[in-house]
């Protein structure tokens, strides 16, 4: 699904993995793309997008956990692609792996702070632009393993940071409601990247069998299907019909557009709290 009108989209963490796939998807459907990442090569990716898809593109290598770097990225990117309509905050670190009493607590704290700031700082930097858009969207990734019967084990910094991310999404959705800026998180499903390489490198004795198995999983025939599901959800959340959807966690693999559009504003479905009228009752 491509949008009839080109949007200007900023992607935080756009040089590898899902972030890179998103940049190519956006550009291939006619949108202009600005991207940044901690690693080198953002400018190279931007040139590739411009050459292959004939769109405006800009890339800058920065640490999105740094406030001034995000301001600089926002300022310079808009000189190239114009005012931004959609911000996709995709950057995150997996962090230390191991049992809670064995990991480096300094790194644990740094990951929690960094993964939160790589959402907050870009939002703060791009808000002036988003406020001018008639199709303003903020999107991020909810990660995996948040609650349920099988939360990610021995990666507590990552899990805690993603829990912070989704609660920030819910709070910011209310804060930005009157400004017509939607804020949503997406659970993308499995896509093989080097993101969990630390769990692979330390082995099953430290990472545990489940996390090590996830970290060493390779691509299979369903990978392209997962990406297609992700792109479908992303395009839906950027579309005008989704302007009423905000503060939600949408699974690219399991949730349907019909179910999401059928929500009442007071429903806790597709939020971190997913139980209505049983354990948690909304104030009447």
Protein backbone atom coordinates (compact mmCIF):
# COMPACT_ATOMS: atom_id res chain seq x y z
CA UNK A 1 0.00 0.00 0.00
CA UNK A 2 1.51 3.34 -1.03
CA UNK A 3 0.14 6.70 -0.09
CA UNK A 4 -1.25 8.95 -2.80
CA UNK A 5 0.77 11.92 -1.54
CA UNK A 6 4.47 11.79 -0.78
CA UNK A 7 5.38 12.30 2.87
CA UNK A 8 8.64 13.45 4.40
CA UNK A 9 9.79 10.77 6.84
CA UNK A 10 12.62 10.75 9.38
CA UNK A 11 13.95 7.36 10.49
CA UNK A 12 16.08 7.05 13.63
CA UNK A 13 18.31 3.99 13.31
CA UNK A 14 18.07 3.62 9.54
CA UNK A 15 21.31 1.99 8.41
CA UNK A 16 20.80 -1.63 9.46
CA UNK A 17 18.16 -4.30 9.98
CA UNK A 18 14.53 -3.27 10.11
CA UNK A 19 15.43 0.43 10.02
CA UNK A 20 17.21 0.01 6.69
CA UNK A 21 14.34 -2.07 5.32
CA UNK A 22 11.92 0.68 6.34
CA UNK A 23 14.01 3.35 4.58
CA UNK A 24 13.93 1.36 1.34
CA UNK A 25 10.21 0.72 1.71
CA UNK A 26 9.42 4.39 2.26
CA UNK A 27 11.58 5.53 -0.64
CA UNK A 28 10.25 2.81 -2.96
CA UNK A 29 6.70 4.06 -2.33
CA UNK A 30 7.64 7.62 -3.22
CA UNK A 31 8.31 9.17 0.18
CA UNK A 32 11.29 11.38 0.97
CA UNK A 33 13.53 9.95 3.70
CA UNK A 34 15.95 11.40 6.23
CA UNK A 35 17.82 8.85 8.32
CA UNK A 36 20.34 8.77 11.10
CA UNK A 37 22.20 6.08 13.05
CA UNK A 38 25.06 5.70 15.51
CA UNK A 39 27.05 3.71 12.98
CA UNK A 40 28.80 5.19 9.96
CA UNK A 41 27.13 5.00 6.59
CA UNK A 42 23.94 7.05 6.98
CA UNK A 43 25.01 9.37 4.19
CA UNK A 44 25.81 6.36 1.97
CA UNK A 45 22.34 4.89 2.51
CA UNK A 46 20.79 8.28 1.74
CA UNK A 47 22.66 8.49 -1.57
CA UNK A 48 21.54 4.97 -2.45
CA UNK A 49 17.90 5.84 -1.78
CA UNK A 50 18.13 8.99 -3.86
CA UNK A 51 19.83 7.21 -6.75
CA UNK A 52 17.58 4.13 -6.77
CA UNK A 53 14.18 5.69 -6.08
CA UNK A 54 14.62 9.31 -7.24
CA UNK A 55 13.41 10.76 -3.96
CA UNK A 56 14.90 13.38 -1.68
CA UNK A 57 17.06 11.80 0.99
CA UNK A 58 19.46 12.87 3.72
CA UNK A 59 21.65 10.86 6.10
CA UNK A 60 23.65 11.78 9.19
CA UNK A 61 25.58 9.59 11.64
CA UNK A 62 24.69 10.68 15.19
CA UNK A 63 23.88 9.27 18.61
CA UNK A 64 20.16 9.91 19.01
CA UNK A 65 20.58 9.72 22.79
CA UNK A 66 22.29 13.13 22.52
CA UNK A 67 19.84 16.03 22.49
CA UNK A 68 21.88 18.49 20.43
CA UNK A 69 22.69 15.86 17.80
CA UNK A 70 18.96 15.27 17.29
CA UNK A 71 18.35 18.99 16.94
CA UNK A 72 21.12 19.19 14.35
CA UNK A 73 19.70 16.20 12.46
CA UNK A 74 16.23 17.72 12.45
CA UNK A 75 17.50 21.08 11.21
CA UNK A 76 19.75 19.72 8.46
CA UNK A 77 17.39 17.02 7.24
CA UNK A 78 14.55 19.48 6.75
CA UNK A 79 16.79 21.63 4.57
CA UNK A 80 16.99 18.67 2.19
CA UNK A 81 13.63 16.86 2.33
CA UNK A 82 11.42 19.59 3.78
CA UNK A 83 9.25 19.66 6.93
CA UNK A 84 8.81 16.18 8.40
CA UNK A 85 5.37 14.52 8.56
CA UNK A 86 6.37 11.17 10.07
CA UNK A 87 9.01 10.36 12.68
CA UNK A 88 9.95 6.69 13.03
CA UNK A 89 12.11 6.23 16.14
CA UNK A 90 13.63 2.82 15.49
CA UNK A 91 17.00 3.05 17.29
CA UNK A 92 17.75 0.85 20.30
CA UNK A 93 20.50 -1.22 21.93
CA UNK A 94 20.00 -4.76 23.20
CA UNK A 95 22.34 -4.34 26.14
CA UNK A 96 24.04 -6.68 28.61
CA UNK A 97 23.04 -10.35 28.67
CA UNK A 98 22.98 -12.56 31.73
CA UNK A 99 21.33 -13.04 35.10
CA UNK A 100 20.54 -9.85 36.95
CA UNK A 101 23.21 -10.40 39.62
CA UNK A 102 25.99 -11.02 37.09
CA UNK A 103 25.61 -8.24 34.52
CA UNK A 104 27.41 -4.89 34.45
CA UNK A 105 24.92 -2.59 36.17
CA UNK A 106 26.55 0.50 34.66
CA UNK A 107 25.84 -0.80 31.16
CA UNK A 108 22.35 -1.83 32.31
CA UNK A 109 21.63 1.75 33.34
CA UNK A 110 23.15 3.19 30.16
CA UNK A 111 20.94 0.99 27.94
CA UNK A 112 17.79 1.93 29.83
CA UNK A 113 18.62 5.62 29.54
CA UNK A 114 19.78 5.47 25.92
CA UNK A 115 16.82 3.47 24.62
CA UNK A 116 14.44 5.93 26.25
CA UNK A 117 16.25 9.03 25.03
CA UNK A 118 16.44 7.76 21.43
CA UNK A 119 12.66 8.13 21.44
CA UNK A 120 12.32 11.31 23.51
CA UNK A 121 15.10 13.39 21.93
CA UNK A 122 13.98 12.93 18.30
CA UNK A 123 10.39 13.70 19.28
CA UNK A 124 11.46 16.93 20.96
CA UNK A 125 13.62 17.88 17.96
CA UNK A 126 10.95 17.20 15.32
CA UNK A 127 7.86 18.43 17.17
CA UNK A 128 7.93 21.92 15.59
CA UNK A 129 7.83 20.30 12.14
CA UNK A 130 5.22 17.69 13.09
CA UNK A 131 2.94 20.41 14.43
CA UNK A 132 2.79 21.94 10.95
CA UNK A 133 1.86 18.67 9.22
CA UNK A 134 -1.69 17.63 8.37
CA UNK A 135 -0.61 13.96 8.65
CA UNK A 136 1.65 14.01 11.70
CA UNK A 137 2.72 10.59 12.97
CA UNK A 138 5.21 9.34 15.55
CA UNK A 139 6.01 5.63 15.33
CA UNK A 140 8.39 3.39 17.25
CA UNK A 141 9.06 -0.28 17.94
CA UNK A 142 7.69 -1.95 21.05
CA UNK A 143 10.23 -4.77 20.87
CA UNK A 144 9.36 -8.26 22.02
CA UNK A 145 8.99 -10.13 25.24
CA UNK A 146 6.93 -7.57 27.14
CA UNK A 147 4.93 -9.61 29.58
CA UNK A 148 2.97 -12.69 28.56
CA UNK A 149 3.93 -16.26 29.24
CA UNK A 150 7.38 -16.00 27.65
CA UNK A 151 9.06 -12.64 28.30
CA UNK A 152 12.65 -12.31 27.13
CA UNK A 153 14.97 -13.70 29.78
CA UNK A 154 18.44 -12.48 30.80
CA UNK A 155 18.10 -9.21 28.86
CA UNK A 156 16.47 -7.14 31.58
CA UNK A 157 17.87 -3.78 30.45
CA UNK A 158 16.31 -4.18 27.02
CA UNK A 159 12.98 -5.42 28.40
CA UNK A 160 12.79 -2.60 30.93
CA UNK A 161 13.64 0.00 28.28
CA UNK A 162 10.95 -1.28 25.93
CA UNK A 163 8.39 -1.26 28.72
CA UNK A 164 9.35 2.37 29.24
CA UNK A 165 8.97 2.97 25.51
CA UNK A 166 5.41 1.69 25.28
CA UNK A 167 4.25 3.53 28.38
CA UNK A 168 5.81 6.69 26.95
CA UNK A 169 3.83 6.06 23.78
CA UNK A 170 0.60 5.87 25.76
CA UNK A 171 1.37 9.01 27.77
CA UNK A 172 2.55 11.05 24.77
CA UNK A 173 -0.52 10.06 22.78
CA UNK A 174 -2.68 11.84 25.35
CA UNK A 175 -0.28 14.78 25.60
CA UNK A 176 -0.29 15.34 21.83
CA UNK A 177 -3.96 14.50 21.22
CA UNK A 178 -5.15 18.08 20.80
CA UNK A 179 -2.29 18.75 18.36
CA UNK A 180 -3.50 15.95 16.07
CA UNK A 181 -0.20 14.05 16.30
CA UNK A 182 -0.64 10.31 16.72
CA UNK A 183 1.88 8.18 18.62
CA UNK A 184 1.97 4.40 18.23
CA UNK A 185 4.30 1.44 18.77
CA UNK A 186 4.64 -1.57 16.49
CA UNK A 187 5.64 -5.11 17.44
CA UNK A 188 7.35 -6.17 14.19
CA UNK A 189 7.67 -9.93 14.58
CA UNK A 190 10.89 -11.84 13.89
CA UNK A 191 13.41 -10.48 11.42
CA UNK A 192 16.98 -11.85 11.56
CA UNK A 193 19.55 -9.14 12.28
CA UNK A 194 22.71 -8.78 14.35
CA UNK A 195 20.76 -6.89 17.01
CA UNK A 196 20.98 -9.71 19.57
CA UNK A 197 24.58 -10.61 18.72
CA UNK A 198 25.69 -10.22 22.34
CA UNK A 199 23.35 -13.05 23.35
CA UNK A 200 24.83 -15.17 20.57
CA UNK A 201 28.40 -14.33 21.52
CA UNK A 202 28.10 -15.18 25.23
CA UNK A 203 26.54 -18.57 24.49
CA UNK A 204 23.61 -20.48 26.02
CA UNK A 205 25.25 -20.83 29.44
CA UNK A 206 25.05 -17.07 30.02
CA UNK A 207 22.15 -16.12 27.74
CA UNK A 208 19.98 -19.11 28.58
CA UNK A 209 18.69 -21.58 26.01
CA UNK A 210 15.64 -19.57 24.91
CA UNK A 211 17.43 -16.27 24.30
CA UNK A 212 20.39 -18.00 22.67
CA UNK A 213 18.02 -19.85 20.36
CA UNK A 214 16.33 -16.59 19.36
CA UNK A 215 19.69 -14.88 18.81
CA UNK A 216 20.97 -17.65 16.56
CA UNK A 217 17.78 -18.08 14.56
CA UNK A 218 18.34 -17.58 10.86
CA UNK A 219 16.15 -16.33 8.07
CA UNK A 220 13.57 -18.68 6.65
CA UNK A 221 10.92 -18.54 3.98
CA UNK A 222 8.64 -16.48 6.24
CA UNK A 223 11.02 -13.51 6.58
CA UNK A 224 9.68 -11.71 3.52
CA UNK A 225 6.15 -12.34 4.76
CA UNK A 226 7.01 -10.75 8.11
CA UNK A 227 8.43 -7.69 6.37
CA UNK A 228 5.32 -7.41 4.22
CA UNK A 229 3.17 -7.55 7.37
CA UNK A 230 5.28 -4.84 8.97
CA UNK A 231 5.06 -2.56 5.96
CA UNK A 232 1.29 -3.05 5.80
CA UNK A 233 0.90 -1.92 9.41
CA UNK A 234 3.28 1.01 8.97
CA UNK A 235 1.47 2.23 5.85
CA UNK A 236 -1.86 1.86 7.62
CA UNK A 237 -0.73 3.90 10.63
CA UNK A 238 0.59 6.64 8.32
CA UNK A 239 -2.64 6.78 6.33
CA UNK A 240 -5.39 9.39 6.93
CA UNK A 241 -7.84 6.70 8.07
CA UNK A 242 -5.57 5.93 11.05
CA UNK A 243 -5.66 9.49 12.39
CA UNK A 244 -7.99 8.24 15.14
CA UNK A 245 -5.51 5.58 16.32
CA UNK A 246 -3.04 6.68 18.98
CA UNK A 247 -1.38 5.34 22.09
CA UNK A 248 -1.55 1.73 20.91
CA UNK A 249 0.79 -1.24 20.49
CA UNK A 250 0.04 -2.92 17.18
CA UNK A 251 1.36 -6.36 16.29
CA UNK A 252 2.41 -6.54 12.64
CA UNK A 253 1.88 -10.28 12.72
CA UNK A 254 -1.37 -10.72 14.62
CA UNK A 255 -3.49 -7.55 14.70
CA UNK A 256 -5.88 -6.54 11.93
CA UNK A 257 -6.75 -3.07 10.69
CA UNK A 258 -10.43 -3.81 11.23
CA UNK A 259 -9.85 -4.64 14.89
CA UNK A 260 -7.75 -1.53 15.47
CA UNK A 261 -10.22 0.79 13.75
CA UNK A 262 -13.08 -0.74 15.74
CA UNK A 263 -11.63 0.38 19.09
CA UNK A 264 -13.44 2.72 21.41
CA UNK A 265 -11.32 5.51 22.88
CA UNK A 266 -11.70 4.08 26.38
CA UNK A 267 -10.68 0.54 25.39
CA UNK A 268 -7.46 -0.84 26.82
CA UNK A 269 -7.04 -3.22 23.88
CA UNK A 270 -3.74 -2.80 22.03
CA UNK A 271 -2.24 -1.10 25.07
CA UNK A 272 0.23 -2.50 27.58
CA UNK A 273 -2.83 -3.04 29.78
CA UNK A 274 -4.93 -5.32 27.59
CA UNK A 275 -7.65 -6.39 30.02
CA UNK A 276 -10.90 -4.44 30.13
CA UNK A 277 -13.70 -4.74 32.69
CA UNK A 278 -12.08 -7.65 34.53
CA UNK A 279 -8.88 -6.75 36.33
CA UNK A 280 -8.78 -3.05 35.44
CA UNK A 281 -11.89 -0.92 35.16
CA UNK A 282 -11.84 2.51 33.56
CA UNK A 283 -13.17 5.35 35.68
CA UNK A 284 -16.70 6.18 34.67
